[in-house]
Amino acid sequence: PVLLGCGSAQPSGCPALCECSEPAKTVKCVNRNLTAVPPDLPPYVRSLFITGNPLTHLPAGAFPAQRLPDLASLNLSGNHLRTVEAGALALPALRQLDLSGNALASFSPQAFGEGSSSLEELALRGALRDHGVLLSLAALLQSGALRNLSRLELADNGLLLLPAGMFTALPALRQLDLSNNSLVGLRNVSFQGLGQLQSLNLSDNSLGVLWNSTLAQFRSLPALRHIVLGHNTWVCDCAIEDLVAWLKESDQVEGKEALTCASPEKMLGKALLKINSSDLNCSVPIDLPSQLQTSYVFLGIVLALIGAIFLLVLYLNRKGIKKWMHNIRDACRDHMEGYHYRYEINADPRLTNLSSNSDV
């Protein structure tokens, strides 16, 4: 279809500086120096491209739902968006949203309005450099407002860690892209509830090891068949044994033959699939609960011995202790008798005078 300029006559009109195609139900406002969303977008539009503009702010109602009832695909990538307010993206038919390449500083968890959104695909590549925006996104995902989301792209954001439970309310999610970040671990990340997840991209991060808790989650996801782990900084010490064993038995990892050690130096470049226990020179692991139990037993024995010695000392010195107790009792009795005698003298004036005269 031919895109018509805004100067061409169209039944529903076309915003200035945009190109419209009513047959294709598409509007493109690309590199037009726009600082606001055009207010006169045609109601027939289903695919809208507003990219490469100095657009910094999306207020509430930026895309009027009543005027744009069929808008299903919205591309806002490569602008200068900083703020997305509550209700800015409350579009009833919205299925695809691309906010990649924007330096977001504020993103309201209510950006899609109240209640559940119909959104299925969300791209935020290079848009989550601000930690506060990441937390806002996590709150949005955890609220259940995006339960229909099937594809989530969070690549190129320099993420070190992910908020706990970030993906637990996304039952329809099938593709999750976390590539080209700086993730150092996944211990606080829960994949539980992602029964539809098919593809997980963790390439180009800073992962040194994947622990048993994470591997168990991967095993429990029946649809997960494509895990990408390339270009991570795998540390090939004793902690990597479980990961190596899982790689050897799993058919979920793409290109696992190319995974190599980044450290220590003696293991540099060695393929993970070729690592044996003898290469790692690991001692037999000690079960921590058993170790603690042994420590508690030893402590109990020591305390029992101390108690027995104390009782033995008391028994051997029982006569001396008895004599000491008698002496204490006699001393207390003599003291109390003297106290009663002085009290009687002070209580009787005659005895007091007599005592004074005798002193004279």
Protein backbone atom coordinates (compact mmCIF):
# COMPACT_ATOMS: atom_id res chain seq x y z
CA PRO A 1 0.00 0.00 0.00
CA VAL A 2 1.08 3.56 -0.75
CA LEU A 3 1.59 5.83 2.25
CA LEU A 4 -0.10 9.17 1.67
CA GLY A 5 1.35 12.41 2.99
CA CYS A 6 -0.62 14.60 5.30
CA GLY A 7 -1.31 16.98 2.42
CA SER A 8 -3.29 14.31 0.51
CA ALA A 9 -7.01 14.26 0.99
CA GLN A 10 -8.19 11.38 3.16
CA PRO A 11 -11.66 10.69 4.53
CA SER A 12 -10.39 10.47 8.09
CA GLY A 13 -7.53 12.95 7.75
CA CYS A 14 -3.85 12.49 8.54
CA PRO A 15 -1.79 14.38 11.14
CA ALA A 16 0.75 16.90 9.93
CA LEU A 17 4.25 15.49 9.45
CA CYS A 18 2.89 11.92 9.38
CA GLU A 19 2.26 9.40 6.63
CA CYS A 20 -0.99 7.44 6.59
CA SER A 21 -2.40 4.45 4.78
CA GLU A 22 -6.04 3.73 5.41
CA PRO A 23 -6.00 0.42 3.47
CA ALA A 24 -3.10 -0.78 5.65
CA LYS A 25 -4.56 0.97 8.71
CA THR A 26 -1.09 2.34 9.41
CA VAL A 27 0.25 5.74 10.49
CA LYS A 28 3.97 6.59 10.55
CA CYS A 29 5.42 9.67 12.26
CA VAL A 30 9.13 8.88 11.95
CA ASN A 31 11.93 11.41 12.58
CA ARG A 32 9.53 14.36 12.41
CA ASN A 33 10.78 16.31 15.43
CA LEU A 34 7.51 15.74 17.29
CA THR A 35 7.39 16.79 20.93
CA ALA A 36 3.86 15.46 21.58
CA VAL A 37 1.57 12.75 20.28
CA PRO A 38 -0.47 14.15 17.36
CA PRO A 39 -3.99 14.81 18.66
CA ASP A 40 -5.72 14.09 15.35
CA LEU A 41 -4.73 10.48 14.69
CA PRO A 42 -7.27 8.77 12.41
CA PRO A 43 -9.60 6.32 14.18
CA TYR A 44 -8.93 3.56 11.65
CA VAL A 45 -5.28 3.17 12.70
CA ARG A 46 -4.19 -0.26 13.93
CA SER A 47 -0.41 0.14 13.59
CA LEU A 48 1.16 3.39 14.78
CA PHE A 49 4.85 4.30 14.50
CA ILE A 50 6.08 7.38 16.40
CA THR A 51 9.85 6.91 16.43
CA GLY A 52 13.00 9.02 16.37
CA ASN A 53 11.37 12.13 17.85
CA PRO A 54 12.23 14.38 20.83
CA LEU A 55 9.12 13.14 22.60
CA THR A 56 9.78 13.18 26.36
CA HIS A 57 6.43 12.84 28.09
CA LEU A 58 3.32 10.67 27.75
CA PRO A 59 0.52 12.16 29.87
CA ALA A 60 -2.69 10.42 30.83
CA GLY A 61 -4.91 10.04 27.77
CA ALA A 62 -2.04 10.56 25.33
CA PHE A 63 -3.81 8.01 23.13
CA PRO A 64 -7.58 8.51 23.61
CA ALA A 65 -9.20 5.08 23.83
CA GLN A 66 -12.51 6.26 22.39
CA ARG A 67 -10.84 7.78 19.34
CA LEU A 68 -8.44 4.86 18.80
CA PRO A 69 -10.51 1.74 19.54
CA ASP A 70 -8.60 -0.51 17.11
CA LEU A 71 -4.99 0.52 17.82
CA ALA A 72 -3.24 -2.83 18.31
CA SER A 73 0.45 -2.15 17.57
CA LEU A 74 2.29 0.89 18.97
CA ASN A 75 5.96 1.57 18.28
CA LEU A 76 7.45 4.38 20.38
CA SER A 77 11.08 3.30 20.13
CA GLY A 78 14.02 5.65 19.71
CA ASN A 79 12.39 8.75 21.14
CA HIS A 80 13.52 10.63 24.24
CA LEU A 81 10.74 9.41 26.51
CA ARG A 82 11.39 10.05 30.19
CA THR A 83 7.94 9.88 31.77
CA VAL A 84 4.94 7.64 31.20
CA GLU A 85 2.01 8.62 33.41
CA ALA A 86 -0.91 6.54 34.65
CA GLY A 87 -3.46 5.96 31.90
CA ALA A 88 -1.11 7.03 29.12
CA LEU A 89 -1.40 3.65 27.37
CA ALA A 90 -4.96 2.68 28.27
CA LEU A 91 -5.89 1.32 24.85
CA PRO A 92 -8.48 -1.48 24.74
CA ALA A 93 -7.09 -3.28 21.67
CA LEU A 94 -3.36 -2.81 22.30
CA ARG A 95 -1.43 -6.04 21.67
CA GLN A 96 2.13 -4.91 20.87
CA LEU A 97 4.14 -2.10 22.47
CA ASP A 98 7.76 -1.14 21.76
CA LEU A 99 9.41 1.38 24.11
CA SER A 100 12.99 0.38 23.27
CA GLY A 101 15.72 2.99 23.10
CA ASN A 102 14.11 5.45 25.50
CA ALA A 103 15.80 6.69 28.68
CA LEU A 104 12.79 6.12 30.91
CA ALA A 105 13.01 7.79 34.31
CA SER A 106 9.41 7.35 35.48
CA PHE A 107 6.95 4.65 34.46
CA SER A 108 3.64 4.41 36.29
CA PRO A 109 2.49 0.88 37.23
CA GLN A 110 -0.96 2.14 36.15
CA ALA A 111 0.25 3.21 32.69
CA PHE A 112 -2.16 0.75 31.07
CA GLY A 113 -5.07 1.95 33.16
CA GLU A 114 -7.03 0.10 35.81
CA GLY A 115 -7.72 -3.59 35.46
CA SER A 116 -6.26 -6.10 33.03
CA SER A 117 -4.58 -5.11 29.76
CA SER A 118 -4.81 -6.98 26.45
CA LEU A 119 -1.08 -6.45 25.81
CA GLU A 120 0.73 -9.53 24.46
CA GLU A 121 4.18 -8.23 23.48
CA LEU A 122 6.29 -5.67 25.35
CA ALA A 123 9.76 -4.56 24.20
CA LEU A 124 11.91 -2.50 26.58
CA ARG A 125 15.34 -2.98 25.04
CA GLY A 126 17.71 -0.37 26.46
CA ALA A 127 14.91 1.47 28.28
CA LEU A 128 15.44 0.38 31.92
CA ARG A 129 18.71 2.03 32.89
CA ASP A 130 17.01 3.70 35.85
CA HIS A 131 16.57 1.32 38.82
CA GLY A 132 13.37 3.05 39.89
CA VAL A 133 11.80 2.29 36.51
CA LEU A 134 12.79 -1.36 36.88
CA LEU A 135 11.00 -1.49 40.24
CA SER A 136 7.93 0.19 38.70
CA LEU A 137 7.92 -2.39 35.92
CA ALA A 138 8.22 -5.20 38.46
CA ALA A 139 5.24 -3.78 40.36
CA LEU A 140 3.26 -3.61 37.12
CA LEU A 141 4.08 -7.21 36.19
CA GLN A 142 3.35 -8.49 39.70
CA SER A 143 -0.02 -6.72 39.80
CA GLY A 144 -1.45 -9.14 37.25
CA ALA A 145 -2.41 -6.35 34.85
CA LEU A 146 -0.36 -7.99 32.06
CA ARG A 147 -1.53 -11.57 32.47
CA ASN A 148 -1.94 -11.87 28.69
CA LEU A 149 1.71 -11.02 28.01
CA SER A 150 3.40 -13.70 25.87
CA ARG A 151 6.65 -11.94 24.92
CA LEU A 152 8.83 -9.74 27.13
CA GLU A 153 12.09 -8.20 25.92
CA LEU A 154 14.39 -6.72 28.59
CA ALA A 155 17.73 -6.92 26.74
CA ASP A 156 20.48 -4.25 26.74
CA ASN A 157 19.57 -2.71 30.09
CA GLY A 158 22.71 -3.32 32.15
CA LEU A 159 20.69 -5.20 34.76
CA LEU A 160 22.72 -6.63 37.64
CA LEU A 161 19.88 -8.25 39.58
CA LEU A 162 16.16 -8.69 39.04
CA PRO A 163 13.52 -7.88 41.66
CA ALA A 164 12.31 -11.00 43.46
CA GLY A 165 9.11 -12.50 42.08
CA MET A 166 9.13 -10.22 39.05
CA PHE A 167 7.68 -12.83 36.65
CA THR A 168 5.32 -14.75 38.93
CA ALA A 169 2.10 -13.19 37.54
CA LEU A 170 2.75 -13.87 33.84
CA PRO A 171 1.07 -17.23 33.18
CA ALA A 172 0.91 -16.70 29.38
CA LEU A 173 4.59 -15.73 28.92
CA ARG A 174 6.30 -17.74 26.18
CA GLN A 175 9.41 -15.72 25.33
CA LEU A 176 11.66 -13.93 27.82
CA ASP A 177 14.75 -12.07 26.59
CA LEU A 178 17.27 -11.04 29.27
CA SER A 179 20.30 -10.99 26.99
CA ASN A 180 23.12 -8.44 26.97
CA ASN A 181 22.72 -7.36 30.59
CA SER A 182 25.09 -7.70 33.54
CA LEU A 183 23.22 -10.36 35.50
CA VAL A 184 25.53 -12.04 38.02
CA GLY A 185 23.03 -14.55 39.38
CA LEU A 186 19.45 -15.82 39.31
CA ARG A 187 19.06 -17.04 42.91
CA ASN A 188 16.29 -14.54 43.73
CA VAL A 189 14.51 -15.02 40.38
CA SER A 190 11.45 -17.25 40.38
CA PHE A 191 10.26 -18.88 37.17
CA GLN A 192 7.44 -20.68 38.96
CA GLY A 193 4.09 -20.20 37.29
CA LEU A 194 5.60 -19.77 33.82
CA GLY A 195 4.12 -23.00 32.53
CA GLN A 196 3.94 -21.67 28.96
CA LEU A 197 7.54 -20.40 28.80
CA GLN A 198 9.25 -21.76 25.68
CA SER A 199 12.30 -19.53 25.17
CA LEU A 200 14.69 -17.95 27.69
CA ASN A 201 17.65 -15.89 26.49
CA LEU A 202 20.37 -15.32 29.11
CA SER A 203 23.29 -14.79 26.73
CA ASP A 204 25.87 -12.00 27.10
CA ASN A 205 25.54 -11.59 30.86
CA SER A 206 27.95 -12.03 33.78
CA LEU A 207 26.68 -15.37 35.05
CA GLY A 208 29.39 -17.39 36.79
CA VAL A 209 27.25 -20.33 37.87
CA LEU A 210 23.64 -21.53 37.96
CA TRP A 211 22.67 -23.07 41.28
CA ASN A 212 20.58 -26.18 41.84
CA SER A 213 17.52 -24.14 42.80
CA THR A 214 17.53 -22.47 39.37
CA LEU A 215 18.25 -25.69 37.50
CA ALA A 216 15.35 -27.38 39.29
CA GLN A 217 13.05 -24.61 38.09
CA PHE A 218 14.23 -25.13 34.50
CA ARG A 219 13.49 -28.85 34.80
CA SER A 220 9.99 -28.13 36.11
CA LEU A 221 8.94 -26.03 33.09
CA PRO A 222 7.46 -28.49 30.58
CA ALA A 223 7.37 -26.12 27.59
CA LEU A 224 10.87 -24.66 28.04
CA ARG A 225 12.96 -25.98 25.14
CA HIS A 226 15.19 -23.07 24.17
CA ILE A 227 17.63 -21.71 26.77
CA VAL A 228 20.51 -19.56 25.51
CA LEU A 229 23.51 -19.24 27.85
CA GLY A 230 26.32 -18.16 25.52
CA HIS A 231 28.92 -15.50 26.31
CA ASN A 232 28.75 -15.65 30.10
CA THR A 233 31.69 -15.61 32.52
CA TRP A 234 31.48 -19.19 33.82
CA VAL A 235 33.66 -19.83 36.88
CA CYS A 236 34.81 -23.44 36.66
CA ASP A 237 35.38 -24.36 40.29
CA CYS A 238 33.61 -26.87 42.53
CA ALA A 239 30.37 -24.85 42.49
CA ILE A 240 29.86 -25.51 38.78
CA GLU A 241 29.56 -29.30 39.10
CA ASP A 242 25.74 -29.25 39.22
CA LEU A 243 25.54 -26.99 36.15
CA VAL A 244 27.89 -29.27 34.19
CA ALA A 245 25.88 -32.35 35.14
CA TRP A 246 22.65 -30.64 34.08
CA LEU A 247 24.13 -29.52 30.75
CA LYS A 248 25.20 -33.08 29.97
CA GLU A 249 21.72 -34.49 30.54
CA SER A 250 19.52 -31.61 29.34
CA ASP A 251 18.27 -30.95 25.82
CA GLN A 252 16.98 -27.47 26.71
CA VAL A 253 20.19 -25.49 26.07
CA GLU A 254 20.99 -24.23 22.58
CA GLY A 255 24.66 -24.27 21.59
CA LYS A 256 25.79 -25.83 24.86
CA GLU A 257 28.86 -27.28 23.14
CA ALA A 258 30.25 -23.74 22.79
CA LEU A 259 30.01 -22.85 26.50
CA THR A 260 33.50 -22.41 27.95
CA CYS A 261 35.17 -21.45 31.23
CA ALA A 262 36.20 -17.85 31.84
CA SER A 263 38.13 -18.60 35.05
CA PRO A 264 40.24 -19.76 36.83
CA GLU A 265 43.21 -19.38 34.52
CA LYS A 266 44.01 -23.10 34.39
CA MET A 267 40.47 -23.78 33.09
CA LEU A 268 40.26 -20.83 30.69
CA GLY A 269 38.63 -21.82 27.41
CA LYS A 270 37.77 -25.36 28.49
CA ALA A 271 34.35 -26.55 27.29
CA LEU A 272 31.89 -27.02 30.13
CA LEU A 273 30.68 -30.29 28.63
CA LYS A 274 34.23 -31.70 28.86
CA ILE A 275 34.72 -30.93 32.55
CA ASN A 276 35.15 -33.92 34.87
CA SER A 277 35.21 -34.01 38.65
CA SER A 278 38.94 -34.72 38.55
CA ASP A 279 39.48 -31.41 36.71
CA LEU A 280 37.93 -29.48 39.60
CA ASN A 281 39.79 -31.37 42.37
CA CYS A 282 36.86 -31.03 44.76
CA SER A 283 36.77 -32.72 48.16
CA VAL A 284 33.71 -34.65 49.28
CA PRO A 285 31.07 -32.05 50.11
CA ILE A 286 29.97 -31.85 53.72
CA ASP A 287 26.29 -31.60 54.32
CA LEU A 288 25.80 -28.41 56.36
CA PRO A 289 22.83 -29.63 58.47
CA SER A 290 24.78 -32.78 59.42
CA GLN A 291 27.80 -30.66 60.29
CA LEU A 292 25.70 -28.44 62.54
CA GLN A 293 24.12 -31.48 64.18
CA THR A 294 27.57 -32.87 64.97
CA SER A 295 28.60 -29.53 66.48
CA TYR A 296 25.53 -29.45 68.71
CA VAL A 297 26.19 -33.02 69.93
CA PHE A 298 29.79 -32.14 70.75
CA LEU A 299 28.67 -29.02 72.64
CA GLY A 300 26.17 -31.09 74.64
CA ILE A 301 28.88 -33.56 75.62
CA VAL A 302 31.20 -30.75 76.78
CA LEU A 303 28.46 -29.14 78.88
CA ALA A 304 27.57 -32.52 80.42
CA LEU A 305 31.23 -33.11 81.40
CA ILE A 306 31.45 -29.65 82.98
CA GLY A 307 28.27 -30.35 84.96
CA ALA A 308 29.55 -33.74 86.14
CA ILE A 309 32.87 -32.23 87.30
CA PHE A 310 31.00 -29.51 89.20
CA LEU A 311 28.82 -32.06 90.99
CA LEU A 312 31.90 -34.16 91.83
CA VAL A 313 33.63 -31.15 93.40
CA LEU A 314 30.54 -30.45 95.50
CA TYR A 315 30.41 -34.08 96.65
CA LEU A 316 34.08 -34.23 97.65
CA ASN A 317 33.80 -31.00 99.64
CA ARG A 318 30.43 -31.75 101.20
CA LYS A 319 31.76 -31.69 104.80
CA GLY A 320 33.57 -28.41 104.33
CA ILE A 321 30.54 -26.91 102.63
CA LYS A 322 28.31 -28.11 105.50
CA LYS A 323 30.67 -26.57 108.08
CA TRP A 324 30.77 -23.34 106.09
CA MET A 325 26.99 -23.21 105.99
CA HIS A 326 26.83 -23.74 109.80
CA ASN A 327 29.31 -20.90 110.35
CA ILE A 328 27.24 -18.61 108.15
CA ARG A 329 24.11 -19.56 110.07
CA ASP A 330 25.76 -18.92 113.48
CA ALA A 331 27.14 -15.58 112.34
CA CYS A 332 23.73 -14.50 111.10
CA ARG A 333 22.12 -15.61 114.37
CA ASP A 334 24.62 -13.66 116.52
CA HIS A 335 24.09 -10.61 114.37
CA MET A 336 20.33 -10.80 114.73
CA GLU A 337 20.54 -11.26 118.55
CA GLY A 338 22.67 -8.12 118.86
CA TYR A 339 20.20 -6.25 116.72
CA HIS A 340 17.25 -7.29 118.91
CA TYR A 341 19.16 -6.30 122.11
CA ARG A 342 19.85 -2.77 120.81
CA TYR A 343 16.26 -2.44 119.69
CA GLU A 344 14.96 -3.29 123.20
CA ILE A 345 17.21 -0.69 124.84
CA ASN A 346 16.15 2.03 122.44
CA ALA A 347 12.49 1.17 122.93
CA ASP A 348 12.56 1.53 126.81
CA PRO A 349 13.48 5.10 128.08
CA ARG A 350 14.48 3.79 131.49
CA LEU A 351 16.99 1.43 130.00
CA THR A 352 18.27 4.24 127.85
CA ASN A 353 18.83 6.54 130.90
CA LEU A 354 20.40 3.70 132.82
CA SER A 355 22.78 3.07 130.01
CA SER A 356 23.66 6.79 129.89
CA ASN A 357 24.31 7.00 133.66
CA SER A 358 26.49 3.96 133.59
CA ASP A 359 28.54 5.59 130.87
CA VAL A 360 29.03 8.64 133.12
